[in-house]
Amino acid sequence: MPNPYGGEVRDGAPYGLPGKVVLGKGLSEQKAPLAAILLALQSILAANVSITGQVVFLCCVSGETGRHDAIKSIIERTGLRAEMAILNGTGNRISLGNRGRVDVTVTVHGNPGIRAARKAPANAITGALEVVRPAHRGPRSRRATPGARQGDISREQDPELSGHRHTQFRIQRAKSGVDRRLMPGEDPDKGSRRHRGDCRDRQWNERSCERQAVARRGDQGPIHVSASGHPRQSNVVTAVMQASQSMLGVSPETFHQTNAFDQGYLQHIGIEPCTYGPGEGQYAHTDLDMASVDRTRDAAKVYAAMILQRLT
């Protein structure tokens, strides 16, 4: 990205966005919601409105770790509890759920030897290739729905997050890591056991592999992000819907995310989560990382209205 921290302002029309947009690293995911939340809180303080409850503003700087350690540490150290939580940015849409994930490490063992010997050696390299290959020839995703954004699941696909996915993201020596996505309510241990069974039962193409694959969860203990799923009529979704109607005159679009976030952990401990706010997922991690100024302003209105409706 030529100017990642400059906050370059452009017309949003070429990108299918209303009004002006601001380009800069992190705007598609964290920075736009951060700006909207700060503006909402500033507006409430400036209006000198008496709040009868508690609003907790939490800015977690851990980044995308792929696990719940950061949010869990904060919750456990502070004893923080809440009725509901708003997270991340979705182009001002409401996410009704997201996948979880579990890391599975697959180790392929080999035995040294001479290739011309009567009993061929077990080649850990070709064995590792057999482990990696199925992840790349897995079920092909269907053609994207026009206008779909990154992280969306198309309307033609399963409304309950469209099944499992595996992504090969590391190979070291003959050890590879697999990111296995989880559905709401799915046991991570069961998911990793299923992968172990796949490794054990697979018919290797290379005779020398001798099926010597072992799968286990994580390198440094379990690495697990919970999945979340809540009905449209949940309290937090209703609150966002009402705030949007009162401030903008529209009900936000709802969808399911394929991404894995902290919502599942919050839901697990009794805090209703919801993903809503500005930020354009289709441009995240690209040279066009951006956010809509109009959507950021609209989200600030919704956040402020939601706080006031719940706590005054």
C-alpha atoms as a PDB file:
ATOM      1  CA  MET A   1       0.000   0.000   0.000  1.00  0.00           C
ATOM      2  CA  PRO A   2       1.730   3.224  -1.146  1.00  0.00           C
ATOM      3  CA  ASN A   3       0.484   5.422   1.724  1.00  0.00           C
ATOM      4  CA  PRO A   4      -0.643   3.028   4.479  1.00  0.00           C
ATOM      5  CA  TYR A   5      -0.855   5.562   7.327  1.00  0.00           C
ATOM      6  CA  GLY A   6      -1.689   8.791   5.508  1.00  0.00           C
ATOM      7  CA  GLY A   7      -5.476   8.652   5.664  1.00  0.00           C
ATOM      8  CA  GLU A   8      -5.953   9.366   1.972  1.00  0.00           C
ATOM      9  CA  VAL A   9      -9.462  10.627   1.105  1.00  0.00           C
ATOM     10  CA  ARG A  10     -11.105   9.538  -2.151  1.00  0.00           C
ATOM     11  CA  ASP A  11     -14.499   9.437  -3.796  1.00  0.00           C
ATOM     12  CA  GLY A  12     -16.253   6.205  -2.843  1.00  0.00           C
ATOM     13  CA  ALA A  13     -18.193   5.742  -6.089  1.00  0.00           C
ATOM     14  CA  PRO A  14     -15.484   3.730  -7.938  1.00  0.00           C
ATOM     15  CA  TYR A  15     -15.522   1.274  -5.040  1.00  0.00           C
ATOM     16  CA  GLY A  16     -19.287   0.989  -4.737  1.00  0.00           C
ATOM     17  CA  LEU A  17     -19.387   3.033  -1.519  1.00  0.00           C
ATOM     18  CA  PRO A  18     -21.392   6.162  -0.662  1.00  0.00           C
ATOM     19  CA  GLY A  19     -19.749   9.572  -0.282  1.00  0.00           C
ATOM     20  CA  LYS A  20     -16.087   9.792   0.600  1.00  0.00           C
ATOM     21  CA  VAL A  21     -13.807   6.977   1.718  1.00  0.00           C
ATOM     22  CA  VAL A  22     -10.572   7.042   3.687  1.00  0.00           C
ATOM     23  CA  LEU A  23      -7.713   4.697   2.771  1.00  0.00           C
ATOM     24  CA  GLY A  24      -5.301   3.369   5.369  1.00  0.00           C
ATOM     25  CA  LYS A  25      -4.179   0.126   6.961  1.00  0.00           C
ATOM     26  CA  GLY A  26      -6.713  -1.305   9.399  1.00  0.00           C
ATOM     27  CA  LEU A  27      -9.624   0.908   8.312  1.00  0.00           C
ATOM     28  CA  SER A  28     -11.538  -2.007   6.814  1.00  0.00           C
ATOM     29  CA  GLU A  29     -11.662  -3.871  10.117  1.00  0.00           C
ATOM     30  CA  GLN A  30     -10.737  -2.083  13.352  1.00  0.00           C
ATOM     31  CA  LYS A  31     -10.092   1.622  12.859  1.00  0.00           C
ATOM     32  CA  ALA A  32     -13.446   2.655  11.395  1.00  0.00           C
ATOM     33  CA  PRO A  33     -15.468   1.022  14.214  1.00  0.00           C
ATOM     34  CA  LEU A  34     -13.036   2.534  16.721  1.00  0.00           C
ATOM     35  CA  ALA A  35     -13.676   6.018  15.294  1.00  0.00           C
ATOM     36  CA  ALA A  36     -17.451   5.444  15.321  1.00  0.00           C
ATOM     37  CA  ILE A  37     -17.484   4.258  18.932  1.00  0.00           C
ATOM     38  CA  LEU A  38     -15.337   7.196  20.105  1.00  0.00           C
ATOM     39  CA  LEU A  39     -17.603   9.654  18.273  1.00  0.00           C
ATOM     40  CA  ALA A  40     -20.702   8.079  19.834  1.00  0.00           C
ATOM     41  CA  LEU A  41     -19.239   8.308  23.345  1.00  0.00           C
ATOM     42  CA  GLN A  42     -18.053  11.877  22.744  1.00  0.00           C
ATOM     43  CA  SER A  43     -21.542  12.893  21.589  1.00  0.00           C
ATOM     44  CA  ILE A  44     -23.203  11.375  24.662  1.00  0.00           C
ATOM     45  CA  LEU A  45     -20.746  13.103  27.007  1.00  0.00           C
ATOM     46  CA  ALA A  46     -21.201  16.428  25.194  1.00  0.00           C
ATOM     47  CA  ALA A  47     -24.972  16.134  25.539  1.00  0.00           C
ATOM     48  CA  ASN A  48     -24.559  15.676  29.311  1.00  0.00           C
ATOM     49  CA  VAL A  49     -27.072  12.830  29.335  1.00  0.00           C
ATOM     50  CA  SER A  50     -27.463  10.926  32.580  1.00  0.00           C
ATOM     51  CA  ILE A  51     -26.649   7.237  32.107  1.00  0.00           C
ATOM     52  CA  THR A  52     -28.326   4.774  34.471  1.00  0.00           C
ATOM     53  CA  GLY A  53     -26.131   1.800  33.614  1.00  0.00           C
ATOM     54  CA  GLN A  54     -22.551   1.144  32.600  1.00  0.00           C
ATOM     55  CA  VAL A  55     -20.869   1.351  29.189  1.00  0.00           C
ATOM     56  CA  VAL A  56     -17.506  -0.413  28.904  1.00  0.00           C
ATOM     57  CA  PHE A  57     -15.265   0.682  26.044  1.00  0.00           C
ATOM     58  CA  LEU A  58     -12.640  -1.986  25.423  1.00  0.00           C
ATOM     59  CA  CYS A  59      -9.815  -1.553  22.920  1.00  0.00           C
ATOM     60  CA  CYS A  60      -7.785  -4.756  22.650  1.00  0.00           C
ATOM     61  CA  VAL A  61      -4.464  -4.296  20.844  1.00  0.00           C
ATOM     62  CA  SER A  62      -3.569  -7.972  20.492  1.00  0.00           C
ATOM     63  CA  GLY A  63      -4.403  -8.104  16.780  1.00  0.00           C
ATOM     64  CA  GLU A  64      -5.605 -11.259  15.047  1.00  0.00           C
ATOM     65  CA  THR A  65      -4.090 -14.062  17.110  1.00  0.00           C
ATOM     66  CA  GLY A  66      -6.453 -16.846  16.068  1.00  0.00           C
ATOM     67  CA  ARG A  67      -7.271 -17.641  19.697  1.00  0.00           C
ATOM     68  CA  HIS A  68      -9.235 -16.186  22.641  1.00  0.00           C
ATOM     69  CA  ASP A  69      -6.283 -15.593  24.985  1.00  0.00           C
ATOM     70  CA  ALA A  70      -6.378 -11.774  24.868  1.00  0.00           C
ATOM     71  CA  ILE A  71     -10.099 -11.226  25.462  1.00  0.00           C
ATOM     72  CA  LYS A  72     -10.198 -14.073  27.981  1.00  0.00           C
ATOM     73  CA  SER A  73      -7.312 -12.531  29.952  1.00  0.00           C
ATOM     74  CA  ILE A  74      -9.074  -9.155  30.116  1.00  0.00           C
ATOM     75  CA  ILE A  75     -12.418 -10.652  31.147  1.00  0.00           C
ATOM     76  CA  GLU A  76     -10.896 -12.879  33.814  1.00  0.00           C
ATOM     77  CA  ARG A  77      -8.564 -10.215  35.281  1.00  0.00           C
ATOM     78  CA  THR A  78     -11.257  -7.534  35.516  1.00  0.00           C
ATOM     79  CA  GLY A  79     -14.263  -9.726  36.248  1.00  0.00           C
ATOM     80  CA  LEU A  80     -16.071  -7.768  33.541  1.00  0.00           C
ATOM     81  CA  ARG A  81     -19.615  -8.821  32.678  1.00  0.00           C
ATOM     82  CA  ALA A  82     -22.177  -7.232  30.381  1.00  0.00           C
ATOM     83  CA  GLU A  83     -25.586  -7.905  28.861  1.00  0.00           C
ATOM     84  CA  MET A  84     -24.320  -7.525  25.308  1.00  0.00           C
ATOM     85  CA  ALA A  85     -21.299  -6.585  23.220  1.00  0.00           C
ATOM     86  CA  ILE A  86     -20.724  -4.991  19.805  1.00  0.00           C
ATOM     87  CA  LEU A  87     -17.576  -5.975  17.898  1.00  0.00           C
ATOM     88  CA  ASN A  88     -15.652  -5.269  14.706  1.00  0.00           C
ATOM     89  CA  GLY A  89     -16.899  -3.820  11.387  1.00  0.00           C
ATOM     90  CA  THR A  90     -19.189  -5.269   8.734  1.00  0.00           C
ATOM     91  CA  GLY A  91     -20.181  -2.458   6.382  1.00  0.00           C
ATOM     92  CA  ASN A  92     -22.994  -1.621   8.844  1.00  0.00           C
ATOM     93  CA  ARG A  93     -24.570  -5.055   8.538  1.00  0.00           C
ATOM     94  CA  ILE A  94     -25.407  -7.388  11.415  1.00  0.00           C
ATOM     95  CA  SER A  95     -23.640 -10.727  11.558  1.00  0.00           C
ATOM     96  CA  LEU A  96     -25.894 -13.386  13.073  1.00  0.00           C
ATOM     97  CA  GLY A  97     -23.029 -15.815  13.573  1.00  0.00           C
ATOM     98  CA  ASN A  98     -19.525 -16.813  12.627  1.00  0.00           C
ATOM     99  CA  ARG A  99     -17.380 -19.903  12.460  1.00  0.00           C
ATOM    100  CA  GLY A 100     -14.864 -20.992  15.034  1.00  0.00           C
ATOM    101  CA  ARG A 101     -11.569 -22.732  14.372  1.00  0.00           C
ATOM    102  CA  VAL A 102      -9.179 -25.273  15.829  1.00  0.00           C
ATOM    103  CA  ASP A 103      -5.534 -25.819  14.912  1.00  0.00           C
ATOM    104  CA  VAL A 104      -4.539 -29.385  14.127  1.00  0.00           C
ATOM    105  CA  THR A 105      -0.869 -30.296  13.699  1.00  0.00           C
ATOM    106  CA  VAL A 106      -0.212 -33.281  11.421  1.00  0.00           C
ATOM    107  CA  THR A 107       3.171 -34.996  11.711  1.00  0.00           C
ATOM    108  CA  VAL A 108       4.259 -37.561   9.114  1.00  0.00           C
ATOM    109  CA  HIS A 109       6.957 -39.972  10.307  1.00  0.00           C
ATOM    110  CA  GLY A 110       9.453 -41.543   7.924  1.00  0.00           C
ATOM    111  CA  ASN A 111      12.166 -44.178   8.079  1.00  0.00           C
ATOM    112  CA  PRO A 112      15.568 -43.790   6.380  1.00  0.00           C
ATOM    113  CA  GLY A 113      16.800 -46.347   3.943  1.00  0.00           C
ATOM    114  CA  ILE A 114      17.988 -47.100   0.415  1.00  0.00           C
ATOM    115  CA  ARG A 115      15.359 -46.695  -2.271  1.00  0.00           C
ATOM    116  CA  ALA A 116      16.573 -49.803  -4.121  1.00  0.00           C
ATOM    117  CA  ALA A 117      16.237 -51.983  -1.023  1.00  0.00           C
ATOM    118  CA  ARG A 118      13.653 -54.765  -0.910  1.00  0.00           C
ATOM    119  CA  LYS A 119      11.621 -52.822   1.634  1.00  0.00           C
ATOM    120  CA  ALA A 120      11.359 -49.213   0.504  1.00  0.00           C
ATOM    121  CA  PRO A 121      11.953 -46.528   3.149  1.00  0.00           C
ATOM    122  CA  ALA A 122       9.051 -44.452   4.427  1.00  0.00           C
ATOM    123  CA  ASN A 123       9.436 -41.026   2.839  1.00  0.00           C
ATOM    124  CA  ALA A 124       8.087 -38.343   5.176  1.00  0.00           C
ATOM    125  CA  ILE A 125       8.149 -35.758   2.369  1.00  0.00           C
ATOM    126  CA  THR A 126       5.820 -37.687   0.069  1.00  0.00           C
ATOM    127  CA  GLY A 127       3.698 -38.522   3.104  1.00  0.00           C
ATOM    128  CA  ALA A 128       3.392 -34.833   3.934  1.00  0.00           C
ATOM    129  CA  LEU A 129       2.293 -34.157   0.354  1.00  0.00           C
ATOM    130  CA  GLU A 130      -0.508 -36.690   0.805  1.00  0.00           C
ATOM    131  CA  VAL A 131      -1.627 -34.816   3.903  1.00  0.00           C
ATOM    132  CA  VAL A 132      -1.606 -31.459   2.125  1.00  0.00           C
ATOM    133  CA  ARG A 133      -3.225 -32.574  -1.149  1.00  0.00           C
ATOM    134  CA  PRO A 134      -6.831 -33.181   0.088  1.00  0.00           C
ATOM    135  CA  ALA A 135      -7.029 -29.673   1.560  1.00  0.00           C
ATOM    136  CA  HIS A 136      -6.377 -28.244  -1.911  1.00  0.00           C
ATOM    137  CA  ARG A 137      -8.826 -30.462  -3.758  1.00  0.00           C
ATOM    138  CA  GLY A 138     -11.590 -30.105  -1.181  1.00  0.00           C
ATOM    139  CA  PRO A 139     -15.116 -28.921  -1.996  1.00  0.00           C
ATOM    140  CA  ARG A 140     -15.027 -25.962  -4.336  1.00  0.00           C
ATOM    141  CA  SER A 141     -16.888 -22.898  -3.211  1.00  0.00           C
ATOM    142  CA  ARG A 142     -19.818 -21.906  -5.341  1.00  0.00           C
ATOM    143  CA  ARG A 143     -19.755 -18.842  -7.531  1.00  0.00           C
ATOM    144  CA  ALA A 144     -19.925 -15.705  -5.416  1.00  0.00           C
ATOM    145  CA  THR A 145     -23.249 -13.920  -5.194  1.00  0.00           C
ATOM    146  CA  PRO A 146     -23.087 -10.545  -7.008  1.00  0.00           C
ATOM    147  CA  GLY A 147     -22.208  -7.866  -4.501  1.00  0.00           C
ATOM    148  CA  ALA A 148     -20.962 -10.374  -1.929  1.00  0.00           C
ATOM    149  CA  ARG A 149     -18.200  -9.201   0.347  1.00  0.00           C
ATOM    150  CA  GLN A 150     -15.203 -10.922   1.843  1.00  0.00           C
ATOM    151  CA  GLY A 151     -16.207 -13.261   4.655  1.00  0.00           C
ATOM    152  CA  ASP A 152     -19.782 -13.632   3.375  1.00  0.00           C
ATOM    153  CA  ILE A 153     -21.510 -16.928   2.763  1.00  0.00           C
ATOM    154  CA  SER A 154     -23.603 -16.830  -0.404  1.00  0.00           C
ATOM    155  CA  ARG A 155     -27.369 -17.119  -0.182  1.00  0.00           C
ATOM    156  CA  GLU A 156     -27.237 -20.357  -2.166  1.00  0.00           C
ATOM    157  CA  GLN A 157     -25.033 -21.973   0.451  1.00  0.00           C
ATOM    158  CA  ASP A 158     -25.966 -23.459   3.803  1.00  0.00           C
ATOM    159  CA  PRO A 159     -27.468 -20.685   5.961  1.00  0.00           C
ATOM    160  CA  GLU A 160     -25.744 -22.247   8.959  1.00  0.00           C
ATOM    161  CA  LEU A 161     -22.308 -21.088   7.801  1.00  0.00           C
ATOM    162  CA  SER A 162     -21.894 -23.469   4.864  1.00  0.00           C
ATOM    163  CA  GLY A 163     -20.114 -26.436   6.431  1.00  0.00           C
ATOM    164  CA  HIS A 164     -16.526 -27.146   7.349  1.00  0.00           C
ATOM    165  CA  ARG A 165     -13.396 -25.797   5.699  1.00  0.00           C
ATOM    166  CA  HIS A 166      -9.733 -26.750   6.012  1.00  0.00           C
ATOM    167  CA  THR A 167      -6.832 -24.465   5.146  1.00  0.00           C
ATOM    168  CA  GLN A 168      -3.229 -25.622   4.993  1.00  0.00           C
ATOM    169  CA  PHE A 169      -1.126 -22.758   6.339  1.00  0.00           C
ATOM    170  CA  ARG A 170       2.222 -24.226   7.377  1.00  0.00           C
ATOM    171  CA  ILE A 171       4.620 -27.051   6.545  1.00  0.00           C
ATOM    172  CA  GLN A 172       7.841 -27.451   8.493  1.00  0.00           C
ATOM    173  CA  ARG A 173      10.069 -30.490   8.110  1.00  0.00           C
ATOM    174  CA  ALA A 174       7.297 -33.073   7.700  1.00  0.00           C
ATOM    175  CA  LYS A 175       4.945 -31.339  10.093  1.00  0.00           C
ATOM    176  CA  SER A 176       2.014 -29.298   8.803  1.00  0.00           C
ATOM    177  CA  GLY A 177      -0.614 -27.179  10.478  1.00  0.00           C
ATOM    178  CA  VAL A 178      -4.277 -27.298   9.536  1.00  0.00           C
ATOM    179  CA  ASP A 179      -6.785 -24.564  10.362  1.00  0.00           C
ATOM    180  CA  ARG A 180     -10.062 -26.460  10.763  1.00  0.00           C
ATOM    181  CA  ARG A 181     -13.141 -24.269  10.863  1.00  0.00           C
ATOM    182  CA  LEU A 182     -15.871 -25.155  13.358  1.00  0.00           C
ATOM    183  CA  MET A 183     -19.636 -24.706  13.257  1.00  0.00           C
ATOM    184  CA  PRO A 184     -21.585 -23.207  16.199  1.00  0.00           C
ATOM    185  CA  GLY A 185     -21.892 -25.819  18.910  1.00  0.00           C
ATOM    186  CA  GLU A 186     -19.261 -28.138  17.417  1.00  0.00           C
ATOM    187  CA  ASP A 187     -16.823 -29.666  19.895  1.00  0.00           C
ATOM    188  CA  PRO A 188     -13.221 -28.747  18.936  1.00  0.00           C
ATOM    189  CA  ASP A 189     -11.956 -32.054  20.289  1.00  0.00           C
ATOM    190  CA  LYS A 190     -14.407 -33.898  18.069  1.00  0.00           C
ATOM    191  CA  GLY A 191     -13.271 -31.851  15.083  1.00  0.00           C
ATOM    192  CA  SER A 192      -9.612 -32.650  15.694  1.00  0.00           C
ATOM    193  CA  ARG A 193     -10.405 -36.340  16.306  1.00  0.00           C
ATOM    194  CA  ARG A 194     -12.184 -36.451  12.959  1.00  0.00           C
ATOM    195  CA  HIS A 195      -9.084 -35.065  11.279  1.00  0.00           C
ATOM    196  CA  ARG A 196      -6.921 -37.650  13.042  1.00  0.00           C
ATOM    197  CA  GLY A 197      -9.240 -40.327  11.688  1.00  0.00           C
ATOM    198  CA  ASP A 198      -8.918 -38.901   8.193  1.00  0.00           C
ATOM    199  CA  CYS A 199      -5.128 -39.162   8.424  1.00  0.00           C
ATOM    200  CA  ARG A 200      -5.274 -42.693   9.795  1.00  0.00           C
ATOM    201  CA  ASP A 201      -7.762 -44.017   7.238  1.00  0.00           C
ATOM    202  CA  ARG A 202      -6.493 -42.268   4.124  1.00  0.00           C
ATOM    203  CA  GLN A 203      -5.278 -44.523   1.311  1.00  0.00           C
ATOM    204  CA  TRP A 204      -1.862 -43.109   0.450  1.00  0.00           C
ATOM    205  CA  ASN A 205      -0.916 -42.905  -3.212  1.00  0.00           C
ATOM    206  CA  GLU A 206       2.767 -43.315  -2.381  1.00  0.00           C
ATOM    207  CA  ARG A 207       3.638 -46.767  -1.079  1.00  0.00           C
ATOM    208  CA  SER A 208       6.583 -45.365   0.850  1.00  0.00           C
ATOM    209  CA  CYS A 209       4.376 -43.224   3.094  1.00  0.00           C
ATOM    210  CA  GLU A 210       3.129 -46.264   5.015  1.00  0.00           C
ATOM    211  CA  ARG A 211       0.298 -44.222   6.546  1.00  0.00           C
ATOM    212  CA  GLN A 212       2.555 -42.870   9.270  1.00  0.00           C
ATOM    213  CA  ALA A 213       0.624 -39.681   9.978  1.00  0.00           C
ATOM    214  CA  VAL A 214      -0.290 -38.444  13.445  1.00  0.00           C
ATOM    215  CA  ALA A 215      -2.618 -35.497  14.048  1.00  0.00           C
ATOM    216  CA  ARG A 216      -3.012 -33.583  17.290  1.00  0.00           C
ATOM    217  CA  ARG A 217      -4.401 -30.264  18.460  1.00  0.00           C
ATOM    218  CA  GLY A 218      -2.024 -27.327  18.491  1.00  0.00           C
ATOM    219  CA  ASP A 219       1.712 -27.026  19.029  1.00  0.00           C
ATOM    220  CA  GLN A 220       1.642 -25.371  22.448  1.00  0.00           C
ATOM    221  CA  GLY A 221      -1.589 -26.867  23.731  1.00  0.00           C
ATOM    222  CA  PRO A 222      -5.113 -26.386  22.377  1.00  0.00           C
ATOM    223  CA  ILE A 223      -5.557 -23.485  19.963  1.00  0.00           C
ATOM    224  CA  HIS A 224      -9.272 -22.915  19.663  1.00  0.00           C
ATOM    225  CA  VAL A 225     -11.642 -20.096  18.743  1.00  0.00           C
ATOM    226  CA  SER A 226     -15.299 -20.703  19.556  1.00  0.00           C
ATOM    227  CA  ALA A 227     -18.014 -20.346  16.934  1.00  0.00           C
ATOM    228  CA  SER A 228     -21.034 -18.159  17.614  1.00  0.00           C
ATOM    229  CA  GLY A 229     -24.601 -18.151  16.402  1.00  0.00           C
ATOM    230  CA  HIS A 230     -27.608 -16.275  17.718  1.00  0.00           C
ATOM    231  CA  PRO A 231     -31.142 -15.834  16.423  1.00  0.00           C
ATOM    232  CA  ARG A 232     -32.303 -12.699  14.679  1.00  0.00           C
ATOM    233  CA  GLN A 233     -34.597 -11.879  17.613  1.00  0.00           C
ATOM    234  CA  SER A 234     -31.805 -11.916  20.235  1.00  0.00           C
ATOM    235  CA  ASN A 235     -31.591  -8.894  22.554  1.00  0.00           C
ATOM    236  CA  VAL A 236     -28.455  -7.439  21.011  1.00  0.00           C
ATOM    237  CA  VAL A 237     -29.729  -7.814  17.429  1.00  0.00           C
ATOM    238  CA  THR A 238     -33.056  -6.248  18.432  1.00  0.00           C
ATOM    239  CA  ALA A 239     -31.227  -3.349  20.113  1.00  0.00           C
ATOM    240  CA  VAL A 240     -29.121  -2.618  17.013  1.00  0.00           C
ATOM    241  CA  MET A 241     -32.184  -2.910  14.759  1.00  0.00           C
ATOM    242  CA  GLN A 242     -34.179  -0.457  16.903  1.00  0.00           C
ATOM    243  CA  ALA A 243     -31.304   2.019  17.105  1.00  0.00           C
ATOM    244  CA  SER A 244     -30.788   1.889  13.338  1.00  0.00           C
ATOM    245  CA  GLN A 245     -34.489   2.412  12.665  1.00  0.00           C
ATOM    246  CA  SER A 246     -34.674   5.392  15.001  1.00  0.00           C
ATOM    247  CA  MET A 247     -31.532   7.124  13.674  1.00  0.00           C
ATOM    248  CA  LEU A 248     -31.311   6.050  10.025  1.00  0.00           C
ATOM    249  CA  GLY A 249     -34.837   4.860   9.198  1.00  0.00           C
ATOM    250  CA  VAL A 250     -33.588   1.461   7.974  1.00  0.00           C
ATOM    251  CA  SER A 251     -33.025  -2.022   9.384  1.00  0.00           C
ATOM    252  CA  PRO A 252     -29.500  -3.342   8.777  1.00  0.00           C
ATOM    253  CA  GLU A 253     -28.992  -6.302   6.477  1.00  0.00           C
ATOM    254  CA  THR A 254     -28.151  -9.549   8.273  1.00  0.00           C
ATOM    255  CA  PHE A 255     -25.693 -12.244   7.193  1.00  0.00           C
ATOM    256  CA  HIS A 256     -23.340 -14.961   8.520  1.00  0.00           C
ATOM    257  CA  GLN A 257     -19.553 -14.586   8.582  1.00  0.00           C
ATOM    258  CA  THR A 258     -16.995 -17.249   7.761  1.00  0.00           C
ATOM    259  CA  ASN A 259     -14.361 -15.442   9.838  1.00  0.00           C
ATOM    260  CA  ALA A 260     -13.417 -16.592  13.343  1.00  0.00           C
ATOM    261  CA  PHE A 261     -13.565 -13.882  16.025  1.00  0.00           C
ATOM    262  CA  ASP A 262     -14.103 -13.506  19.786  1.00  0.00           C
ATOM    263  CA  GLN A 263     -17.914 -13.583  19.625  1.00  0.00           C
ATOM    264  CA  GLY A 264     -18.003 -17.285  20.454  1.00  0.00           C
ATOM    265  CA  TYR A 265     -16.089 -16.766  23.702  1.00  0.00           C
ATOM    266  CA  LEU A 266     -18.315 -13.880  24.790  1.00  0.00           C
ATOM    267  CA  GLN A 267     -21.415 -15.927  24.025  1.00  0.00           C
ATOM    268  CA  HIS A 268     -19.951 -18.822  26.007  1.00  0.00           C
ATOM    269  CA  ILE A 269     -19.633 -16.688  29.171  1.00  0.00           C
ATOM    270  CA  GLY A 270     -23.116 -15.204  28.838  1.00  0.00           C
ATOM    271  CA  ILE A 271     -22.483 -11.911  27.004  1.00  0.00           C
ATOM    272  CA  GLU A 272     -24.640 -11.641  23.866  1.00  0.00           C
ATOM    273  CA  PRO A 273     -22.321 -10.628  20.984  1.00  0.00           C
ATOM    274  CA  CYS A 274     -23.123  -8.900  17.743  1.00  0.00           C
ATOM    275  CA  THR A 275     -20.903  -7.781  14.883  1.00  0.00           C
ATOM    276  CA  TYR A 276     -22.015  -4.430  13.467  1.00  0.00           C
ATOM    277  CA  GLY A 277     -20.200  -1.336  12.304  1.00  0.00           C
ATOM    278  CA  PRO A 278     -18.326   0.422   9.491  1.00  0.00           C
ATOM    279  CA  GLY A 279     -15.488  -1.133   7.534  1.00  0.00           C
ATOM    280  CA  GLU A 280     -15.340  -2.870   4.178  1.00  0.00           C
ATOM    281  CA  GLY A 281     -14.302  -6.506   4.495  1.00  0.00           C
ATOM    282  CA  GLN A 282     -13.728  -6.968   0.773  1.00  0.00           C
ATOM    283  CA  TYR A 283     -10.804  -4.531   0.983  1.00  0.00           C
ATOM    284  CA  ALA A 284      -9.250  -5.851   4.208  1.00  0.00           C
ATOM    285  CA  HIS A 285      -5.565  -6.855   3.923  1.00  0.00           C
ATOM    286  CA  THR A 286      -5.327  -5.286   0.461  1.00  0.00           C
ATOM    287  CA  ASP A 287      -3.763  -2.167  -1.036  1.00  0.00           C
ATOM    288  CA  LEU A 288      -7.241  -0.609  -0.968  1.00  0.00           C
ATOM    289  CA  ASP A 289      -7.862  -0.974   2.772  1.00  0.00           C
ATOM    290  CA  MET A 290     -10.617   1.599   3.342  1.00  0.00           C
ATOM    291  CA  ALA A 291     -13.747   2.706   5.171  1.00  0.00           C
ATOM    292  CA  SER A 292     -16.732   4.813   4.182  1.00  0.00           C
ATOM    293  CA  VAL A 293     -17.035   8.158   5.956  1.00  0.00           C
ATOM    294  CA  ASP A 294     -20.840   8.053   5.648  1.00  0.00           C
ATOM    295  CA  ARG A 295     -21.080   4.568   7.115  1.00  0.00           C
ATOM    296  CA  THR A 296     -18.734   5.499   9.961  1.00  0.00           C
ATOM    297  CA  ARG A 297     -20.913   8.504  10.802  1.00  0.00           C
ATOM    298  CA  ASP A 298     -24.101   6.390  10.558  1.00  0.00           C
ATOM    299  CA  ALA A 299     -22.642   3.716  12.835  1.00  0.00           C
ATOM    300  CA  ALA A 300     -21.743   6.375  15.422  1.00  0.00           C
ATOM    301  CA  LYS A 301     -25.394   7.461  15.439  1.00  0.00           C
ATOM    302  CA  VAL A 302     -26.553   3.878  15.889  1.00  0.00           C
ATOM    303  CA  TYR A 303     -24.054   3.201  18.692  1.00  0.00           C
ATOM    304  CA  ALA A 304     -25.113   6.377  20.521  1.00  0.00           C
ATOM    305  CA  ALA A 305     -28.820   5.641  20.098  1.00  0.00           C
ATOM    306  CA  MET A 306     -28.355   2.075  21.286  1.00  0.00           C
ATOM    307  CA  ILE A 307     -26.575   3.248  24.447  1.00  0.00           C
ATOM    308  CA  LEU A 308     -29.226   5.842  25.188  1.00  0.00           C
ATOM    309  CA  GLN A 309     -32.134   3.468  24.510  1.00  0.00           C
ATOM    310  CA  ARG A 310     -30.687   0.851  26.835  1.00  0.00           C
ATOM    311  CA  LEU A 311     -29.279   3.024  29.624  1.00  0.00           C
ATOM    312  CA  THR A 312     -31.485   6.104  30.070  1.00  0.00           C
END
